[in-house]
Amino acid sequence: REMLGIKQDALAYELGDDWNQKKISLLEQKESVEKDILEQVAKILKVPSEAIENFDEDSVINIISNTFNEGSIANATAENIQCTFNPIDKIVVLYDEKIALYERMLKEKDDMMARLEKLIHEK
């Protein structure tokens, strides 16, 4: 989640009404996670559940440090940097994702307000 830049609140929102930031924090502290929850989280993060199950921070750091070569960003100079994607396209995609999340959150708020108003009118 952190490597993908996803906040706990956003993950909680995607998991549904029973979830909140605190519950995500507690989930992340657990030694093991129920398979169905793991699969839901993996689907939301768009990664295989095995990637989460087998995640090892030391291995990730080792892989990253051993894959730098002459063409890598760490060794790049201004003359030899070659982008394989358009950075503006990435920004637009991220912006669109944020807008979609914001719209979903607004809809959820509206739904919650409607439920509250209904409860008030019923009493």
N, C-alpha and C. Protein backbone atom coordinates (compact mmCIF):
# COMPACT_ATOMS: atom_id res chain seq x y z
N ARG A 1 0.83 -1.18 0.00
CA ARG A 1 0.00 0.00 0.00
C ARG A 1 0.88 1.25 0.00
N GLU A 2 1.86 1.27 0.88
CA GLU A 2 2.74 2.43 0.98
C GLU A 2 3.55 2.61 -0.30
N MET A 3 4.05 1.52 -0.85
CA MET A 3 4.86 1.61 -2.08
C MET A 3 4.04 2.13 -3.25
N LEU A 4 2.73 1.90 -3.21
CA LEU A 4 1.85 2.36 -4.27
C LEU A 4 1.29 3.75 -3.99
N GLY A 5 1.61 4.30 -2.81
CA GLY A 5 1.17 5.65 -2.46
C GLY A 5 -0.31 5.72 -2.10
N ILE A 6 -0.85 4.61 -1.59
CA ILE A 6 -2.27 4.56 -1.22
C ILE A 6 -2.39 4.75 0.29
N LYS A 7 -3.20 5.69 0.70
CA LYS A 7 -3.39 5.97 2.12
C LYS A 7 -4.32 4.93 2.74
N GLN A 8 -4.20 4.76 4.05
CA GLN A 8 -5.04 3.81 4.77
C GLN A 8 -6.51 4.15 4.61
N ASP A 9 -6.86 5.42 4.64
CA ASP A 9 -8.26 5.84 4.47
C ASP A 9 -8.81 5.39 3.12
N ALA A 10 -8.02 5.55 2.08
CA ALA A 10 -8.47 5.18 0.74
C ALA A 10 -8.67 3.67 0.65
N LEU A 11 -7.77 2.90 1.23
CA LEU A 11 -7.91 1.45 1.22
C LEU A 11 -9.14 1.04 2.02
N ALA A 12 -9.36 1.67 3.15
CA ALA A 12 -10.54 1.38 3.98
C ALA A 12 -11.81 1.67 3.19
N TYR A 13 -11.83 2.78 2.50
CA TYR A 13 -13.00 3.14 1.70
C TYR A 13 -13.29 2.07 0.64
N GLU A 14 -12.24 1.62 -0.03
CA GLU A 14 -12.41 0.61 -1.08
C GLU A 14 -12.86 -0.73 -0.50
N LEU A 15 -12.48 -1.04 0.73
CA LEU A 15 -12.88 -2.31 1.35
C LEU A 15 -14.34 -2.30 1.80
N GLY A 16 -14.90 -1.14 2.03
CA GLY A 16 -16.32 -1.08 2.35
C GLY A 16 -16.64 -0.41 3.67
N ASP A 17 -17.94 -0.40 3.98
CA ASP A 17 -18.47 0.33 5.14
C ASP A 17 -17.90 -0.14 6.48
N ASP A 18 -17.54 -1.42 6.59
CA ASP A 18 -17.05 -1.96 7.85
C ASP A 18 -15.60 -1.55 8.16
N TRP A 19 -14.97 -0.84 7.24
CA TRP A 19 -13.55 -0.53 7.38
C TRP A 19 -13.32 0.95 7.63
N ASN A 20 -12.23 1.24 8.37
CA ASN A 20 -11.79 2.62 8.58
C ASN A 20 -10.27 2.62 8.69
N GLN A 21 -9.69 3.79 8.83
CA GLN A 21 -8.23 3.91 8.87
C GLN A 21 -7.64 3.13 10.02
N LYS A 22 -8.27 3.19 11.19
CA LYS A 22 -7.74 2.49 12.36
C LYS A 22 -7.74 0.97 12.14
N LYS A 23 -8.80 0.47 11.53
CA LYS A 23 -8.89 -0.97 11.28
C LYS A 23 -7.81 -1.42 10.28
N ILE A 24 -7.52 -0.58 9.28
CA ILE A 24 -6.45 -0.88 8.33
C ILE A 24 -5.11 -0.90 9.06
N SER A 25 -4.89 0.06 9.95
CA SER A 25 -3.65 0.12 10.72
C SER A 25 -3.48 -1.16 11.54
N LEU A 26 -4.55 -1.61 12.19
CA LEU A 26 -4.48 -2.85 12.97
C LEU A 26 -4.23 -4.06 12.07
N LEU A 27 -4.86 -4.07 10.91
CA LEU A 27 -4.66 -5.16 9.94
C LEU A 27 -3.20 -5.24 9.52
N GLU A 28 -2.58 -4.10 9.29
CA GLU A 28 -1.19 -4.06 8.84
C GLU A 28 -0.22 -4.52 9.93
N GLN A 29 -0.64 -4.50 11.17
CA GLN A 29 0.22 -4.93 12.27
C GLN A 29 0.13 -6.42 12.54
N LYS A 30 -0.87 -7.08 11.96
CA LYS A 30 -1.08 -8.50 12.21
C LYS A 30 0.01 -9.35 11.54
N GLU A 31 0.33 -10.47 12.17
CA GLU A 31 1.30 -11.41 11.60
C GLU A 31 0.71 -12.17 10.42
N SER A 32 -0.59 -12.49 10.51
CA SER A 32 -1.25 -13.19 9.41
C SER A 32 -2.63 -12.57 9.19
N VAL A 33 -3.08 -12.66 7.95
CA VAL A 33 -4.35 -12.05 7.55
C VAL A 33 -5.21 -13.13 6.91
N GLU A 34 -6.52 -13.07 7.19
CA GLU A 34 -7.44 -14.03 6.61
C GLU A 34 -7.35 -13.97 5.09
N LYS A 35 -7.46 -15.15 4.46
CA LYS A 35 -7.27 -15.26 3.01
C LYS A 35 -8.24 -14.38 2.23
N ASP A 36 -9.52 -14.33 2.64
CA ASP A 36 -10.50 -13.53 1.89
C ASP A 36 -10.17 -12.04 1.96
N ILE A 37 -9.71 -11.58 3.12
CA ILE A 37 -9.34 -10.16 3.26
C ILE A 37 -8.09 -9.88 2.43
N LEU A 38 -7.12 -10.79 2.49
CA LEU A 38 -5.90 -10.64 1.71
C LEU A 38 -6.22 -10.52 0.22
N GLU A 39 -7.12 -11.36 -0.26
CA GLU A 39 -7.49 -11.32 -1.68
C GLU A 39 -8.20 -10.02 -2.04
N GLN A 40 -9.05 -9.52 -1.14
CA GLN A 40 -9.72 -8.24 -1.39
C GLN A 40 -8.71 -7.11 -1.48
N VAL A 41 -7.78 -7.09 -0.54
CA VAL A 41 -6.75 -6.04 -0.53
C VAL A 41 -5.89 -6.14 -1.79
N ALA A 42 -5.49 -7.35 -2.16
CA ALA A 42 -4.67 -7.54 -3.35
C ALA A 42 -5.41 -7.04 -4.59
N LYS A 43 -6.70 -7.33 -4.67
CA LYS A 43 -7.50 -6.88 -5.83
C LYS A 43 -7.54 -5.36 -5.89
N ILE A 44 -7.74 -4.72 -4.74
CA ILE A 44 -7.80 -3.26 -4.69
C ILE A 44 -6.45 -2.66 -5.08
N LEU A 45 -5.37 -3.26 -4.59
CA LEU A 45 -4.02 -2.75 -4.89
C LEU A 45 -3.54 -3.16 -6.27
N LYS A 46 -4.32 -4.06 -6.92
CA LYS A 46 -3.99 -4.55 -8.27
C LYS A 46 -2.64 -5.26 -8.28
N VAL A 47 -2.44 -6.12 -7.26
CA VAL A 47 -1.25 -6.97 -7.19
C VAL A 47 -1.71 -8.39 -6.86
N PRO A 48 -0.91 -9.40 -7.22
CA PRO A 48 -1.28 -10.76 -6.83
C PRO A 48 -1.22 -10.93 -5.32
N SER A 49 -2.12 -11.72 -4.76
CA SER A 49 -2.12 -11.92 -3.31
C SER A 49 -0.80 -12.54 -2.86
N GLU A 50 -0.18 -13.33 -3.73
CA GLU A 50 1.12 -13.93 -3.40
C GLU A 50 2.19 -12.86 -3.18
N ALA A 51 2.08 -11.74 -3.89
CA ALA A 51 3.05 -10.66 -3.72
C ALA A 51 2.97 -10.08 -2.31
N ILE A 52 1.77 -10.07 -1.75
CA ILE A 52 1.61 -9.57 -0.38
C ILE A 52 2.05 -10.65 0.60
N GLU A 53 1.64 -11.90 0.35
CA GLU A 53 1.98 -13.00 1.26
C GLU A 53 3.49 -13.18 1.37
N ASN A 54 4.19 -13.05 0.25
CA ASN A 54 5.62 -13.32 0.21
C ASN A 54 6.47 -12.06 0.30
N PHE A 55 5.85 -10.93 0.63
CA PHE A 55 6.57 -9.66 0.67
C PHE A 55 7.66 -9.70 1.73
N ASP A 56 8.85 -9.27 1.33
CA ASP A 56 9.98 -9.18 2.24
C ASP A 56 10.73 -7.89 1.91
N GLU A 57 10.70 -6.94 2.83
CA GLU A 57 11.29 -5.63 2.57
C GLU A 57 12.77 -5.72 2.21
N ASP A 58 13.51 -6.60 2.90
CA ASP A 58 14.94 -6.75 2.61
C ASP A 58 15.15 -7.22 1.17
N SER A 59 14.31 -8.16 0.71
CA SER A 59 14.43 -8.66 -0.66
C SER A 59 14.16 -7.56 -1.67
N VAL A 60 13.14 -6.74 -1.40
CA VAL A 60 12.81 -5.65 -2.31
C VAL A 60 13.98 -4.68 -2.41
N ILE A 61 14.54 -4.33 -1.27
CA ILE A 61 15.69 -3.41 -1.26
C ILE A 61 16.87 -4.04 -2.00
N ASN A 62 17.10 -5.32 -1.78
CA ASN A 62 18.18 -6.02 -2.44
C ASN A 62 17.98 -6.06 -3.95
N ILE A 63 16.77 -6.35 -4.39
CA ILE A 63 16.47 -6.39 -5.83
C ILE A 63 16.70 -5.02 -6.45
N ILE A 64 16.20 -3.98 -5.79
CA ILE A 64 16.37 -2.63 -6.33
C ILE A 64 17.84 -2.25 -6.40
N SER A 65 18.58 -2.52 -5.33
CA SER A 65 19.99 -2.11 -5.32
C SER A 65 20.83 -2.91 -6.32
N ASN A 66 20.43 -4.14 -6.62
CA ASN A 66 21.19 -4.95 -7.57
C ASN A 66 20.77 -4.78 -9.02
N THR A 67 19.76 -3.99 -9.28
CA THR A 67 19.31 -3.81 -10.66
C THR A 67 19.74 -2.48 -11.25
N PHE A 68 20.46 -1.66 -10.49
CA PHE A 68 20.98 -0.42 -11.06
C PHE A 68 22.11 -0.75 -12.02
N ASN A 69 22.07 -0.12 -13.17
CA ASN A 69 23.14 -0.28 -14.15
C ASN A 69 23.37 1.06 -14.83
N GLU A 70 24.10 1.06 -15.91
CA GLU A 70 24.44 2.33 -16.55
C GLU A 70 23.23 3.12 -17.01
N GLY A 71 22.15 2.46 -17.36
CA GLY A 71 20.97 3.16 -17.83
C GLY A 71 20.00 3.50 -16.72
N SER A 72 20.32 3.17 -15.48
CA SER A 72 19.37 3.41 -14.39
C SER A 72 19.35 4.87 -13.98
N ILE A 73 18.29 5.24 -13.32
CA ILE A 73 18.15 6.63 -12.88
C ILE A 73 19.24 7.01 -11.90
N ALA A 74 19.66 6.06 -11.04
CA ALA A 74 20.68 6.38 -10.05
C ALA A 74 21.99 6.77 -10.71
N ASN A 75 22.26 6.21 -11.89
CA ASN A 75 23.51 6.52 -12.58
C ASN A 75 23.30 7.45 -13.77
N ALA A 76 22.12 8.00 -13.90
CA ALA A 76 21.81 8.82 -15.07
C ALA A 76 22.39 10.22 -14.94
N THR A 77 22.75 10.75 -16.08
CA THR A 77 23.14 12.15 -16.15
C THR A 77 22.11 12.85 -17.01
N ALA A 78 22.14 14.14 -17.03
CA ALA A 78 21.15 14.90 -17.80
C ALA A 78 21.16 14.52 -19.28
N GLU A 79 22.32 14.10 -19.80
CA GLU A 79 22.43 13.79 -21.23
C GLU A 79 21.82 12.43 -21.57
N ASN A 80 21.81 11.47 -20.63
CA ASN A 80 21.38 10.12 -21.01
C ASN A 80 20.06 9.66 -20.38
N ILE A 81 19.30 10.57 -19.82
CA ILE A 81 18.00 10.18 -19.28
C ILE A 81 17.02 9.96 -20.43
N GLN A 82 16.40 8.79 -20.42
CA GLN A 82 15.42 8.46 -21.45
C GLN A 82 14.14 8.00 -20.78
N CYS A 83 13.07 8.76 -20.95
CA CYS A 83 11.78 8.37 -20.38
C CYS A 83 11.10 7.40 -21.33
N THR A 84 10.52 6.34 -20.75
CA THR A 84 9.77 5.39 -21.57
C THR A 84 8.28 5.68 -21.48
N PHE A 85 7.92 6.73 -20.76
CA PHE A 85 6.53 7.14 -20.65
C PHE A 85 6.49 8.66 -20.62
N ASN A 86 5.34 9.20 -20.92
CA ASN A 86 5.17 10.64 -20.86
C ASN A 86 4.76 11.02 -19.45
N PRO A 87 5.58 11.76 -18.71
CA PRO A 87 5.25 12.13 -17.34
C PRO A 87 3.91 12.86 -17.22
N ILE A 88 3.54 13.63 -18.21
CA ILE A 88 2.26 14.33 -18.19
C ILE A 88 1.11 13.33 -18.21
N ASP A 89 1.25 12.25 -19.00
CA ASP A 89 0.22 11.21 -19.02
C ASP A 89 0.04 10.59 -17.65
N LYS A 90 1.15 10.35 -16.96
CA LYS A 90 1.08 9.79 -15.60
C LYS A 90 0.33 10.73 -14.67
N ILE A 91 0.62 12.01 -14.77
CA ILE A 91 -0.04 13.01 -13.92
C ILE A 91 -1.54 13.02 -14.21
N VAL A 92 -1.90 12.96 -15.48
CA VAL A 92 -3.31 12.97 -15.86
C VAL A 92 -4.02 11.73 -15.31
N VAL A 93 -3.38 10.57 -15.41
CA VAL A 93 -3.97 9.34 -14.89
C VAL A 93 -4.17 9.45 -13.38
N LEU A 94 -3.14 9.92 -12.67
CA LEU A 94 -3.26 10.08 -11.22
C LEU A 94 -4.35 11.07 -10.86
N TYR A 95 -4.43 12.14 -11.62
CA TYR A 95 -5.46 13.15 -11.38
C TYR A 95 -6.86 12.54 -11.58
N ASP A 96 -7.02 11.78 -12.67
CA ASP A 96 -8.31 11.13 -12.94
C ASP A 96 -8.67 10.14 -11.83
N GLU A 97 -7.69 9.40 -11.33
CA GLU A 97 -7.95 8.46 -10.24
C GLU A 97 -8.38 9.19 -8.97
N LYS A 98 -7.73 10.30 -8.68
CA LYS A 98 -8.08 11.09 -7.50
C LYS A 98 -9.50 11.65 -7.64
N ILE A 99 -9.84 12.15 -8.83
CA ILE A 99 -11.19 12.67 -9.07
C ILE A 99 -12.22 11.57 -8.88
N ALA A 100 -11.94 10.37 -9.42
CA ALA A 100 -12.87 9.25 -9.30
C ALA A 100 -13.05 8.87 -7.83
N LEU A 101 -11.96 8.84 -7.07
CA LEU A 101 -12.05 8.54 -5.64
C LEU A 101 -12.85 9.61 -4.92
N TYR A 102 -12.59 10.86 -5.23
CA TYR A 102 -13.32 11.96 -4.62
C TYR A 102 -14.82 11.86 -4.92
N GLU A 103 -15.15 11.54 -6.18
CA GLU A 103 -16.56 11.41 -6.55
C GLU A 103 -17.22 10.25 -5.81
N ARG A 104 -16.49 9.13 -5.65
CA ARG A 104 -17.03 8.00 -4.90
C ARG A 104 -17.26 8.38 -3.44
N MET A 105 -16.32 9.14 -2.88
CA MET A 105 -16.46 9.57 -1.49
C MET A 105 -17.65 10.51 -1.33
N LEU A 106 -17.86 11.42 -2.29
CA LEU A 106 -19.00 12.32 -2.24
C LEU A 106 -20.31 11.53 -2.34
N LYS A 107 -20.35 10.55 -3.22
CA LYS A 107 -21.55 9.71 -3.36
C LYS A 107 -21.81 8.98 -2.05
N GLU A 108 -20.76 8.44 -1.44
CA GLU A 108 -20.91 7.74 -0.16
C GLU A 108 -21.45 8.68 0.91
N LYS A 109 -20.96 9.92 0.93
CA LYS A 109 -21.44 10.91 1.88
C LYS A 109 -22.92 11.19 1.64
N ASP A 110 -23.29 11.37 0.36
CA ASP A 110 -24.69 11.63 0.03
C ASP A 110 -25.58 10.46 0.44
N ASP A 111 -25.11 9.24 0.19
CA ASP A 111 -25.87 8.05 0.58
C ASP A 111 -26.03 8.00 2.10
N MET A 112 -24.97 8.32 2.82
CA MET A 112 -25.01 8.31 4.28
C MET A 112 -25.99 9.37 4.79
N MET A 113 -25.97 10.54 4.19
CA MET A 113 -26.88 11.60 4.59
C MET A 113 -28.33 11.18 4.34
N ALA A 114 -28.57 10.52 3.21
CA ALA A 114 -29.92 10.06 2.90
C ALA A 114 -30.38 9.03 3.92
N ARG A 115 -29.48 8.12 4.31
CA ARG A 115 -29.82 7.12 5.32
C ARG A 115 -30.12 7.79 6.66
N LEU A 116 -29.32 8.77 7.02
CA LEU A 116 -29.54 9.48 8.29
C LEU A 116 -30.87 10.23 8.27
N GLU A 117 -31.17 10.89 7.16
CA GLU A 117 -32.43 11.61 7.05
C GLU A 117 -33.61 10.63 7.15
N LYS A 118 -33.47 9.49 6.53
CA LYS A 118 -34.52 8.48 6.59
C LYS A 118 -34.72 8.00 8.03
N LEU A 119 -33.61 7.76 8.74
CA LEU A 119 -33.71 7.36 10.14
C LEU A 119 -34.39 8.42 11.00
N ILE A 120 -34.05 9.67 10.75
CA ILE A 120 -34.63 10.78 11.51
C ILE A 120 -36.13 10.85 11.26
N HIS A 121 -36.55 10.71 10.01
CA HIS A 121 -37.97 10.79 9.67
C HIS A 121 -38.75 9.59 10.18
N GLU A 122 -38.09 8.44 10.34
CA GLU A 122 -38.75 7.26 10.85
C GLU A 122 -39.04 7.39 12.34
N LYS A 123 -38.22 8.15 13.05
CA LYS A 123 -38.38 8.29 14.51
C LYS A 123 -39.24 9.44 14.77
